[in-house]
Amino acid sequence: MLDIILDTLIDLLKIIPFLFVAFLIMEYFEHSLSKKKDILKNKKVGPIVGSLLGVIPQCGFSVMATNLFSSRVITIGTLIAIYLSTSDEMLPILITNKVSFKLILIILLIKIIIGIIFGYIIDFFWKKKETKDFSICDDDHCHCEKGIFKSSLIHTLKISSYILITTFLLNTLIYYLGEDTISKILLKNNFFGPFLASLVGLIPNCSASIILTELYLSKVITTGMLIGGLLTGSGIGLLVLFKVNKDKKENFFILISIYLIGVLVGIIFDLLKISF
């Protein structure tokens, strides 16, 4: 139990700086810009920048992007691009196992390219009209007029407490379920492999990317299963999305889109027998 508590606290400490910065940015736009809609939704470069930022190790940028999206600072395509390219714990595991730089670069480029492509596709077809901008200040009743630093800290503490509880529950579940059980579910050369691997990737916890990467290095799962699972693995970004974004239909659209993209890409890789 002590290990579970320590892992939960470590996971939270990694995220807090990103949360605080995200809330600072959100409040700056809410308080300093009167015509936010005209300048914040840049569909021309958003998915590219998002994919490049998302590939940075750990899931901090996915959490930051989630908060920015909830306040409509970035587009839905940019958010999904970040989710798809998020590396979480994959990169540290590959480096620790002394995997060749070429393989690491290939995996990162695949995630970046897929993030960019689908980010633009979703932005192009996403025709939903906005009603009113979501204001986290109004929602949390934190008296933001007293200063953005203080209110950003309040927002960060509130979301952090939510993450702390849910991450603890997930860590406990994964600990007692065991990685061996998950490994048995992900059978190599199984047609449903990409479906299962992408589902595992959706687990809002860094353990998902660790399990998938280690199973791939042990030759338990295929390249398609690895890519599918890593594409859906956005760390706790999705967890925060369902907390901060009030449009639940929108949240489920994002969740299902990411899952289907992971499955689709995974199946294509396996059908073409792509491996590295």
C-alpha atoms as a PDB file:
ATOM      1  CA  MET A   1       0.000   0.000   0.000  1.00  0.00           C
ATOM      2  CA  LEU A   2       2.915   2.345   0.742  1.00  0.00           C
ATOM      3  CA  ASP A   3       4.218   1.869  -2.804  1.00  0.00           C
ATOM      4  CA  ILE A   4       0.796   2.726  -4.209  1.00  0.00           C
ATOM      5  CA  ILE A   5       0.633   5.929  -2.165  1.00  0.00           C
ATOM      6  CA  LEU A   6       4.167   6.942  -3.183  1.00  0.00           C
ATOM      7  CA  ASP A   7       3.476   6.247  -6.877  1.00  0.00           C
ATOM      8  CA  THR A   8       0.285   8.298  -6.670  1.00  0.00           C
ATOM      9  CA  LEU A   9       2.046  11.247  -5.069  1.00  0.00           C
ATOM     10  CA  ILE A  10       4.903  11.111  -7.597  1.00  0.00           C
ATOM     11  CA  ASP A  11       2.434  11.056 -10.494  1.00  0.00           C
ATOM     12  CA  LEU A  12       0.638  14.067  -9.032  1.00  0.00           C
ATOM     13  CA  LEU A  13       3.815  16.075  -8.433  1.00  0.00           C
ATOM     14  CA  LYS A  14       4.775  15.616 -12.097  1.00  0.00           C
ATOM     15  CA  ILE A  15       1.478  17.141 -13.205  1.00  0.00           C
ATOM     16  CA  ILE A  16       1.039  20.099 -10.826  1.00  0.00           C
ATOM     17  CA  PRO A  17       3.443  22.514 -12.632  1.00  0.00           C
ATOM     18  CA  PHE A  18       1.646  21.924 -15.944  1.00  0.00           C
ATOM     19  CA  LEU A  19      -1.738  22.459 -14.316  1.00  0.00           C
ATOM     20  CA  PHE A  20      -0.660  25.742 -12.766  1.00  0.00           C
ATOM     21  CA  VAL A  21       0.804  27.077 -16.023  1.00  0.00           C
ATOM     22  CA  ALA A  22      -2.331  26.026 -17.922  1.00  0.00           C
ATOM     23  CA  PHE A  23      -4.601  27.858 -15.491  1.00  0.00           C
ATOM     24  CA  LEU A  24      -2.407  30.955 -15.683  1.00  0.00           C
ATOM     25  CA  ILE A  25      -2.749  30.985 -19.460  1.00  0.00           C
ATOM     26  CA  MET A  26      -6.495  30.400 -19.278  1.00  0.00           C
ATOM     27  CA  GLU A  27      -7.034  33.220 -16.821  1.00  0.00           C
ATOM     28  CA  TYR A  28      -4.861  35.574 -18.830  1.00  0.00           C
ATOM     29  CA  PHE A  29      -7.128  35.070 -21.825  1.00  0.00           C
ATOM     30  CA  GLU A  30     -10.289  35.317 -19.728  1.00  0.00           C
ATOM     31  CA  HIS A  31      -9.262  38.570 -18.093  1.00  0.00           C
ATOM     32  CA  SER A  32      -7.049  40.346 -20.607  1.00  0.00           C
ATOM     33  CA  LEU A  33      -8.619  39.631 -23.987  1.00  0.00           C
ATOM     34  CA  SER A  34     -12.058  40.835 -24.968  1.00  0.00           C
ATOM     35  CA  LYS A  35     -12.197  39.108 -28.347  1.00  0.00           C
ATOM     36  CA  LYS A  36     -10.829  35.715 -27.507  1.00  0.00           C
ATOM     37  CA  LYS A  37     -12.632  33.865 -30.277  1.00  0.00           C
ATOM     38  CA  ASP A  38     -10.910  35.845 -32.994  1.00  0.00           C
ATOM     39  CA  ILE A  39      -7.347  34.942 -32.070  1.00  0.00           C
ATOM     40  CA  LEU A  40      -7.241  31.688 -30.148  1.00  0.00           C
ATOM     41  CA  LYS A  41      -8.494  29.105 -32.640  1.00  0.00           C
ATOM     42  CA  ASN A  42      -5.669  28.809 -35.110  1.00  0.00           C
ATOM     43  CA  LYS A  43      -6.453  25.711 -37.172  1.00  0.00           C
ATOM     44  CA  LYS A  44      -3.501  26.319 -39.493  1.00  0.00           C
ATOM     45  CA  VAL A  45      -0.697  25.467 -37.083  1.00  0.00           C
ATOM     46  CA  GLY A  46      -2.462  24.124 -33.978  1.00  0.00           C
ATOM     47  CA  PRO A  47      -2.222  20.374 -34.748  1.00  0.00           C
ATOM     48  CA  ILE A  48       1.442  20.689 -35.764  1.00  0.00           C
ATOM     49  CA  VAL A  49       2.467  22.549 -32.628  1.00  0.00           C
ATOM     50  CA  GLY A  50       0.270  20.279 -30.523  1.00  0.00           C
ATOM     51  CA  SER A  51       1.810  17.070 -31.871  1.00  0.00           C
ATOM     52  CA  LEU A  52       5.343  18.377 -31.344  1.00  0.00           C
ATOM     53  CA  LEU A  53       4.603  19.409 -27.761  1.00  0.00           C
ATOM     54  CA  GLY A  54       2.705  16.237 -26.953  1.00  0.00           C
ATOM     55  CA  VAL A  55       5.625  13.993 -27.841  1.00  0.00           C
ATOM     56  CA  ILE A  56       7.691  15.446 -24.978  1.00  0.00           C
ATOM     57  CA  PRO A  57       8.005  12.736 -22.272  1.00  0.00           C
ATOM     58  CA  GLN A  58       5.404  12.503 -19.489  1.00  0.00           C
ATOM     59  CA  CYS A  59       1.748  13.434 -19.842  1.00  0.00           C
ATOM     60  CA  GLY A  60       2.030  17.017 -18.589  1.00  0.00           C
ATOM     61  CA  PHE A  61       1.250  18.633 -21.915  1.00  0.00           C
ATOM     62  CA  SER A  62      -1.879  16.523 -22.396  1.00  0.00           C
ATOM     63  CA  VAL A  63      -3.149  17.761 -19.025  1.00  0.00           C
ATOM     64  CA  MET A  64      -2.258  21.352 -19.879  1.00  0.00           C
ATOM     65  CA  ALA A  65      -3.923  21.063 -23.288  1.00  0.00           C
ATOM     66  CA  THR A  66      -7.067  19.629 -21.713  1.00  0.00           C
ATOM     67  CA  ASN A  67      -7.466  22.669 -19.501  1.00  0.00           C
ATOM     68  CA  LEU A  68      -6.770  25.035 -22.398  1.00  0.00           C
ATOM     69  CA  PHE A  69      -9.341  23.236 -24.554  1.00  0.00           C
ATOM     70  CA  SER A  70     -12.000  23.429 -21.851  1.00  0.00           C
ATOM     71  CA  SER A  71     -11.637  27.208 -21.990  1.00  0.00           C
ATOM     72  CA  ARG A  72     -11.556  27.103 -25.824  1.00  0.00           C
ATOM     73  CA  VAL A  73      -7.987  28.376 -26.022  1.00  0.00           C
ATOM     74  CA  ILE A  74      -7.081  25.581 -28.457  1.00  0.00           C
ATOM     75  CA  THR A  75      -9.143  23.664 -31.026  1.00  0.00           C
ATOM     76  CA  ILE A  76     -10.472  20.137 -30.659  1.00  0.00           C
ATOM     77  CA  GLY A  77      -8.125  19.010 -33.449  1.00  0.00           C
ATOM     78  CA  THR A  78      -5.125  20.402 -31.583  1.00  0.00           C
ATOM     79  CA  LEU A  79      -6.214  18.636 -28.393  1.00  0.00           C
ATOM     80  CA  ILE A  80      -6.590  15.296 -30.172  1.00  0.00           C
ATOM     81  CA  ALA A  81      -3.222  15.794 -31.907  1.00  0.00           C
ATOM     82  CA  ILE A  82      -1.621  16.242 -28.490  1.00  0.00           C
ATOM     83  CA  TYR A  83      -3.395  13.184 -27.081  1.00  0.00           C
ATOM     84  CA  LEU A  84      -2.247  11.025 -30.008  1.00  0.00           C
ATOM     85  CA  SER A  85       1.379  12.132 -29.809  1.00  0.00           C
ATOM     86  CA  THR A  86       1.679  12.049 -26.008  1.00  0.00           C
ATOM     87  CA  SER A  87       4.552   9.780 -25.004  1.00  0.00           C
ATOM     88  CA  ASP A  88       3.885   9.448 -21.282  1.00  0.00           C
ATOM     89  CA  GLU A  89       6.359   6.874 -19.877  1.00  0.00           C
ATOM     90  CA  MET A  90       7.145   5.205 -23.216  1.00  0.00           C
ATOM     91  CA  LEU A  91      10.306   7.174 -23.957  1.00  0.00           C
ATOM     92  CA  PRO A  92      11.990   6.635 -20.555  1.00  0.00           C
ATOM     93  CA  ILE A  93      11.292   2.889 -20.805  1.00  0.00           C
ATOM     94  CA  LEU A  94      12.813   2.663 -24.287  1.00  0.00           C
ATOM     95  CA  ILE A  95      15.887   4.622 -23.221  1.00  0.00           C
ATOM     96  CA  THR A  96      16.301   2.537 -20.062  1.00  0.00           C
ATOM     97  CA  ASN A  97      16.255  -0.641 -22.150  1.00  0.00           C
ATOM     98  CA  LYS A  98      18.944   0.841 -24.432  1.00  0.00           C
ATOM     99  CA  VAL A  99      16.747   0.663 -27.520  1.00  0.00           C
ATOM    100  CA  SER A 100      18.393   2.088 -30.644  1.00  0.00           C
ATOM    101  CA  PHE A 101      17.910   5.797 -31.287  1.00  0.00           C
ATOM    102  CA  LYS A 102      16.572   4.947 -34.746  1.00  0.00           C
ATOM    103  CA  LEU A 103      13.689   2.895 -33.315  1.00  0.00           C
ATOM    104  CA  ILE A 104      12.843   5.598 -30.788  1.00  0.00           C
ATOM    105  CA  LEU A 105      12.838   8.235 -33.520  1.00  0.00           C
ATOM    106  CA  ILE A 106      10.600   6.093 -35.770  1.00  0.00           C
ATOM    107  CA  ILE A 107       7.995   5.592 -33.031  1.00  0.00           C
ATOM    108  CA  LEU A 108       8.001   9.291 -32.106  1.00  0.00           C
ATOM    109  CA  LEU A 109       7.695  10.373 -35.761  1.00  0.00           C
ATOM    110  CA  ILE A 110       4.787   7.976 -36.305  1.00  0.00           C
ATOM    111  CA  LYS A 111       2.934   9.426 -33.329  1.00  0.00           C
ATOM    112  CA  ILE A 112       3.671  13.008 -34.420  1.00  0.00           C
ATOM    113  CA  ILE A 113       2.589  12.430 -38.024  1.00  0.00           C
ATOM    114  CA  ILE A 114      -0.611  10.619 -37.057  1.00  0.00           C
ATOM    115  CA  GLY A 115      -1.391  13.351 -34.537  1.00  0.00           C
ATOM    116  CA  ILE A 116      -0.960  16.053 -37.178  1.00  0.00           C
ATOM    117  CA  ILE A 117      -3.006  14.222 -39.831  1.00  0.00           C
ATOM    118  CA  PHE A 118      -5.988  13.421 -37.649  1.00  0.00           C
ATOM    119  CA  GLY A 119      -5.768  16.778 -35.877  1.00  0.00           C
ATOM    120  CA  TYR A 120      -6.311  18.560 -39.191  1.00  0.00           C
ATOM    121  CA  ILE A 121      -9.002  16.105 -40.298  1.00  0.00           C
ATOM    122  CA  ILE A 122     -11.025  16.593 -37.132  1.00  0.00           C
ATOM    123  CA  ASP A 123     -10.645  20.379 -37.203  1.00  0.00           C
ATOM    124  CA  PHE A 124     -11.794  20.376 -40.840  1.00  0.00           C
ATOM    125  CA  PHE A 125     -14.941  18.339 -40.196  1.00  0.00           C
ATOM    126  CA  TRP A 126     -15.734  19.667 -36.718  1.00  0.00           C
ATOM    127  CA  LYS A 127     -18.634  22.017 -37.423  1.00  0.00           C
ATOM    128  CA  LYS A 128     -20.089  22.347 -33.963  1.00  0.00           C
ATOM    129  CA  LYS A 129     -21.079  25.910 -33.150  1.00  0.00           C
ATOM    130  CA  GLU A 130     -19.965  27.413 -29.882  1.00  0.00           C
ATOM    131  CA  THR A 131     -22.553  28.801 -27.541  1.00  0.00           C
ATOM    132  CA  LYS A 132     -20.724  30.647 -24.826  1.00  0.00           C
ATOM    133  CA  ASP A 133     -17.157  30.324 -23.664  1.00  0.00           C
ATOM    134  CA  PHE A 134     -16.631  28.274 -20.566  1.00  0.00           C
ATOM    135  CA  SER A 135     -15.215  30.290 -17.719  1.00  0.00           C
ATOM    136  CA  ILE A 136     -13.543  28.240 -15.065  1.00  0.00           C
ATOM    137  CA  CYS A 137     -13.702  31.209 -12.721  1.00  0.00           C
ATOM    138  CA  ASP A 138     -17.485  31.301 -12.877  1.00  0.00           C
ATOM    139  CA  ASP A 139     -17.643  27.537 -12.498  1.00  0.00           C
ATOM    140  CA  ASP A 140     -15.376  27.335  -9.448  1.00  0.00           C
ATOM    141  CA  HIS A 141     -16.497  30.606  -7.808  1.00  0.00           C
ATOM    142  CA  CYS A 142     -12.935  31.373  -6.810  1.00  0.00           C
ATOM    143  CA  HIS A 143     -13.063  35.193  -6.912  1.00  0.00           C
ATOM    144  CA  CYS A 144     -10.551  35.465  -9.749  1.00  0.00           C
ATOM    145  CA  GLU A 145     -10.724  39.225  -9.665  1.00  0.00           C
ATOM    146  CA  LYS A 146      -8.314  39.093  -6.719  1.00  0.00           C
ATOM    147  CA  GLY A 147      -5.467  38.087  -9.039  1.00  0.00           C
ATOM    148  CA  ILE A 148      -4.699  35.384 -11.572  1.00  0.00           C
ATOM    149  CA  PHE A 149      -1.866  33.824  -9.544  1.00  0.00           C
ATOM    150  CA  LYS A 150      -4.003  33.209  -6.485  1.00  0.00           C
ATOM    151  CA  SER A 151      -6.981  31.956  -8.464  1.00  0.00           C
ATOM    152  CA  SER A 152      -4.731  29.745 -10.634  1.00  0.00           C
ATOM    153  CA  LEU A 153      -3.377  28.191  -7.467  1.00  0.00           C
ATOM    154  CA  ILE A 154      -6.917  27.540  -6.224  1.00  0.00           C
ATOM    155  CA  HIS A 155      -7.884  25.899  -9.516  1.00  0.00           C
ATOM    156  CA  THR A 156      -4.697  23.793  -9.455  1.00  0.00           C
ATOM    157  CA  LEU A 157      -5.365  22.562  -5.925  1.00  0.00           C
ATOM    158  CA  LYS A 158      -8.966  21.636  -6.754  1.00  0.00           C
ATOM    159  CA  ILE A 159      -8.061  19.647  -9.850  1.00  0.00           C
ATOM    160  CA  SER A 160      -5.046  18.120  -8.082  1.00  0.00           C
ATOM    161  CA  SER A 161      -7.268  16.738  -5.325  1.00  0.00           C
ATOM    162  CA  TYR A 162      -9.478  15.131  -7.971  1.00  0.00           C
ATOM    163  CA  ILE A 163      -6.460  13.637  -9.747  1.00  0.00           C
ATOM    164  CA  LEU A 164      -5.016  12.427  -6.435  1.00  0.00           C
ATOM    165  CA  ILE A 165      -8.124  10.427  -5.545  1.00  0.00           C
ATOM    166  CA  THR A 166      -8.735   8.915  -8.977  1.00  0.00           C
ATOM    167  CA  THR A 167      -5.059   8.093  -9.589  1.00  0.00           C
ATOM    168  CA  PHE A 168      -4.863   6.377  -6.211  1.00  0.00           C
ATOM    169  CA  LEU A 169      -7.888   4.237  -7.078  1.00  0.00           C
ATOM    170  CA  LEU A 170      -6.414   3.351 -10.482  1.00  0.00           C
ATOM    171  CA  ASN A 171      -2.994   2.516  -9.039  1.00  0.00           C
ATOM    172  CA  THR A 172      -4.664   0.285  -6.458  1.00  0.00           C
ATOM    173  CA  LEU A 173      -6.718  -1.496  -9.137  1.00  0.00           C
ATOM    174  CA  ILE A 174      -3.708  -2.047 -11.411  1.00  0.00           C
ATOM    175  CA  TYR A 175      -1.593  -3.238  -8.479  1.00  0.00           C
ATOM    176  CA  TYR A 176      -4.075  -5.911  -7.418  1.00  0.00           C
ATOM    177  CA  LEU A 177      -5.034  -6.835 -10.990  1.00  0.00           C
ATOM    178  CA  GLY A 178      -1.384  -7.304 -11.904  1.00  0.00           C
ATOM    179  CA  GLU A 179       0.552  -6.748 -15.106  1.00  0.00           C
ATOM    180  CA  ASP A 180       0.589 -10.492 -15.765  1.00  0.00           C
ATOM    181  CA  THR A 181      -3.187 -10.512 -16.097  1.00  0.00           C
ATOM    182  CA  ILE A 182      -3.086  -7.668 -18.618  1.00  0.00           C
ATOM    183  CA  SER A 183      -0.282  -9.429 -20.494  1.00  0.00           C
ATOM    184  CA  LYS A 184      -2.406 -12.566 -20.884  1.00  0.00           C
ATOM    185  CA  ILE A 185      -5.241 -10.500 -22.337  1.00  0.00           C
ATOM    186  CA  LEU A 186      -2.966  -9.012 -24.997  1.00  0.00           C
ATOM    187  CA  LEU A 187      -2.277 -12.113 -27.067  1.00  0.00           C
ATOM    188  CA  LYS A 188       0.242 -11.756 -29.898  1.00  0.00           C
ATOM    189  CA  ASN A 189      -1.063 -12.344 -33.450  1.00  0.00           C
ATOM    190  CA  ASN A 190      -4.641 -12.026 -32.226  1.00  0.00           C
ATOM    191  CA  PHE A 191      -6.871 -10.139 -34.673  1.00  0.00           C
ATOM    192  CA  PHE A 192      -8.443  -8.320 -31.753  1.00  0.00           C
ATOM    193  CA  GLY A 193      -5.012  -7.319 -30.468  1.00  0.00           C
ATOM    194  CA  PRO A 194      -5.203  -3.665 -31.653  1.00  0.00           C
ATOM    195  CA  PHE A 195      -8.686  -3.359 -30.126  1.00  0.00           C
ATOM    196  CA  LEU A 196      -7.449  -4.610 -26.759  1.00  0.00           C
ATOM    197  CA  ALA A 197      -4.142  -2.727 -26.818  1.00  0.00           C
ATOM    198  CA  SER A 198      -5.895   0.547 -27.699  1.00  0.00           C
ATOM    199  CA  LEU A 199      -8.314  -0.093 -24.851  1.00  0.00           C
ATOM    200  CA  VAL A 200      -5.423  -0.611 -22.417  1.00  0.00           C
ATOM    201  CA  GLY A 201      -3.877   2.625 -23.700  1.00  0.00           C
ATOM    202  CA  LEU A 202      -6.989   4.511 -22.649  1.00  0.00           C
ATOM    203  CA  ILE A 203      -6.342   3.710 -18.996  1.00  0.00           C
ATOM    204  CA  PRO A 204      -5.675   7.191 -17.515  1.00  0.00           C
ATOM    205  CA  ASN A 205      -2.477   6.145 -15.825  1.00  0.00           C
ATOM    206  CA  CYS A 206       1.194   5.995 -16.804  1.00  0.00           C
ATOM    207  CA  SER A 207       1.168   2.247 -16.110  1.00  0.00           C
ATOM    208  CA  ALA A 208      -0.607   1.676 -19.442  1.00  0.00           C
ATOM    209  CA  SER A 209       2.290   2.958 -21.567  1.00  0.00           C
ATOM    210  CA  ILE A 210       4.801   1.149 -19.362  1.00  0.00           C
ATOM    211  CA  ILE A 211       3.003  -2.191 -19.755  1.00  0.00           C
ATOM    212  CA  LEU A 212       2.598  -1.827 -23.522  1.00  0.00           C
ATOM    213  CA  THR A 213       6.228  -0.811 -24.080  1.00  0.00           C
ATOM    214  CA  GLU A 214       7.616  -3.591 -21.918  1.00  0.00           C
ATOM    215  CA  LEU A 215       5.382  -6.195 -23.581  1.00  0.00           C
ATOM    216  CA  TYR A 216       6.563  -5.037 -27.006  1.00  0.00           C
ATOM    217  CA  LEU A 217      10.218  -5.206 -25.987  1.00  0.00           C
ATOM    218  CA  SER A 218       9.557  -8.734 -24.693  1.00  0.00           C
ATOM    219  CA  LYS A 219       7.969  -9.608 -28.077  1.00  0.00           C
ATOM    220  CA  VAL A 220       4.611 -10.374 -26.477  1.00  0.00           C
ATOM    221  CA  ILE A 221       2.636  -7.932 -28.628  1.00  0.00           C
ATOM    222  CA  THR A 222       2.959  -6.823 -32.249  1.00  0.00           C
ATOM    223  CA  THR A 223       4.109  -3.448 -33.551  1.00  0.00           C
ATOM    224  CA  GLY A 224       0.509  -2.628 -34.516  1.00  0.00           C
ATOM    225  CA  MET A 225      -0.668  -3.318 -30.987  1.00  0.00           C
ATOM    226  CA  LEU A 226       2.115  -1.155 -29.568  1.00  0.00           C
ATOM    227  CA  ILE A 227       1.345   1.791 -31.862  1.00  0.00           C
ATOM    228  CA  GLY A 228      -2.408   1.467 -31.315  1.00  0.00           C
ATOM    229  CA  GLY A 229      -1.998   1.426 -27.539  1.00  0.00           C
ATOM    230  CA  LEU A 230       0.496   4.293 -27.490  1.00  0.00           C
ATOM    231  CA  LEU A 231      -1.763   6.459 -29.672  1.00  0.00           C
ATOM    232  CA  THR A 232      -4.645   6.139 -27.220  1.00  0.00           C
ATOM    233  CA  GLY A 233      -2.392   6.576 -24.199  1.00  0.00           C
ATOM    234  CA  SER A 234      -2.712  10.227 -23.211  1.00  0.00           C
ATOM    235  CA  GLY A 235      -1.846   9.730 -19.557  1.00  0.00           C
ATOM    236  CA  ILE A 236      -4.427  11.371 -17.313  1.00  0.00           C
ATOM    237  CA  GLY A 237      -5.419  13.893 -19.987  1.00  0.00           C
ATOM    238  CA  LEU A 238      -8.767  12.188 -20.629  1.00  0.00           C
ATOM    239  CA  LEU A 239      -9.403  11.899 -16.911  1.00  0.00           C
ATOM    240  CA  VAL A 240      -8.996  15.646 -16.512  1.00  0.00           C
ATOM    241  CA  LEU A 241     -11.105  16.255 -19.648  1.00  0.00           C
ATOM    242  CA  PHE A 242     -14.181  14.645 -18.099  1.00  0.00           C
ATOM    243  CA  LYS A 243     -13.634  16.747 -14.991  1.00  0.00           C
ATOM    244  CA  VAL A 244     -13.091  20.207 -16.475  1.00  0.00           C
ATOM    245  CA  ASN A 245     -15.005  20.148 -19.774  1.00  0.00           C
ATOM    246  CA  LYS A 246     -18.741  20.425 -19.178  1.00  0.00           C
ATOM    247  CA  ASP A 247     -19.806  19.159 -22.603  1.00  0.00           C
ATOM    248  CA  LYS A 248     -19.993  15.408 -21.964  1.00  0.00           C
ATOM    249  CA  LYS A 249     -21.041  14.574 -25.540  1.00  0.00           C
ATOM    250  CA  GLU A 250     -17.925  16.368 -26.728  1.00  0.00           C
ATOM    251  CA  ASN A 251     -15.820  14.418 -24.249  1.00  0.00           C
ATOM    252  CA  PHE A 252     -17.177  11.083 -25.448  1.00  0.00           C
ATOM    253  CA  PHE A 253     -16.597  12.118 -29.061  1.00  0.00           C
ATOM    254  CA  ILE A 254     -12.933  12.797 -28.247  1.00  0.00           C
ATOM    255  CA  LEU A 255     -12.623   9.533 -26.317  1.00  0.00           C
ATOM    256  CA  ILE A 256     -14.191   7.418 -29.070  1.00  0.00           C
ATOM    257  CA  SER A 257     -12.228   9.220 -31.811  1.00  0.00           C
ATOM    258  CA  ILE A 258      -8.904   8.523 -30.129  1.00  0.00           C
ATOM    259  CA  TYR A 259      -9.810   4.888 -29.562  1.00  0.00           C
ATOM    260  CA  LEU A 260     -10.925   4.322 -33.164  1.00  0.00           C
ATOM    261  CA  ILE A 261      -7.802   6.032 -34.512  1.00  0.00           C
ATOM    262  CA  GLY A 262      -5.604   3.791 -32.361  1.00  0.00           C
ATOM    263  CA  VAL A 263      -7.465   0.667 -33.491  1.00  0.00           C
ATOM    264  CA  LEU A 264      -7.402   1.695 -37.159  1.00  0.00           C
ATOM    265  CA  VAL A 265      -3.688   2.455 -37.216  1.00  0.00           C
ATOM    266  CA  GLY A 266      -2.903  -0.705 -35.227  1.00  0.00           C
ATOM    267  CA  ILE A 267      -4.850  -2.898 -37.660  1.00  0.00           C
ATOM    268  CA  ILE A 268      -3.158  -1.274 -40.670  1.00  0.00           C
ATOM    269  CA  PHE A 269       0.290  -1.921 -39.187  1.00  0.00           C
ATOM    270  CA  ASP A 270      -0.551  -5.554 -38.465  1.00  0.00           C
ATOM    271  CA  LEU A 271      -2.187  -6.184 -41.853  1.00  0.00           C
ATOM    272  CA  LEU A 272       0.846  -4.735 -43.636  1.00  0.00           C
ATOM    273  CA  LYS A 273       3.077  -6.702 -41.236  1.00  0.00           C
ATOM    274  CA  ILE A 274       5.029  -3.564 -40.384  1.00  0.00           C
ATOM    275  CA  SER A 275       7.565  -4.177 -37.652  1.00  0.00           C
ATOM    276  CA  PHE A 276      10.719  -2.577 -36.327  1.00  0.00           C
END
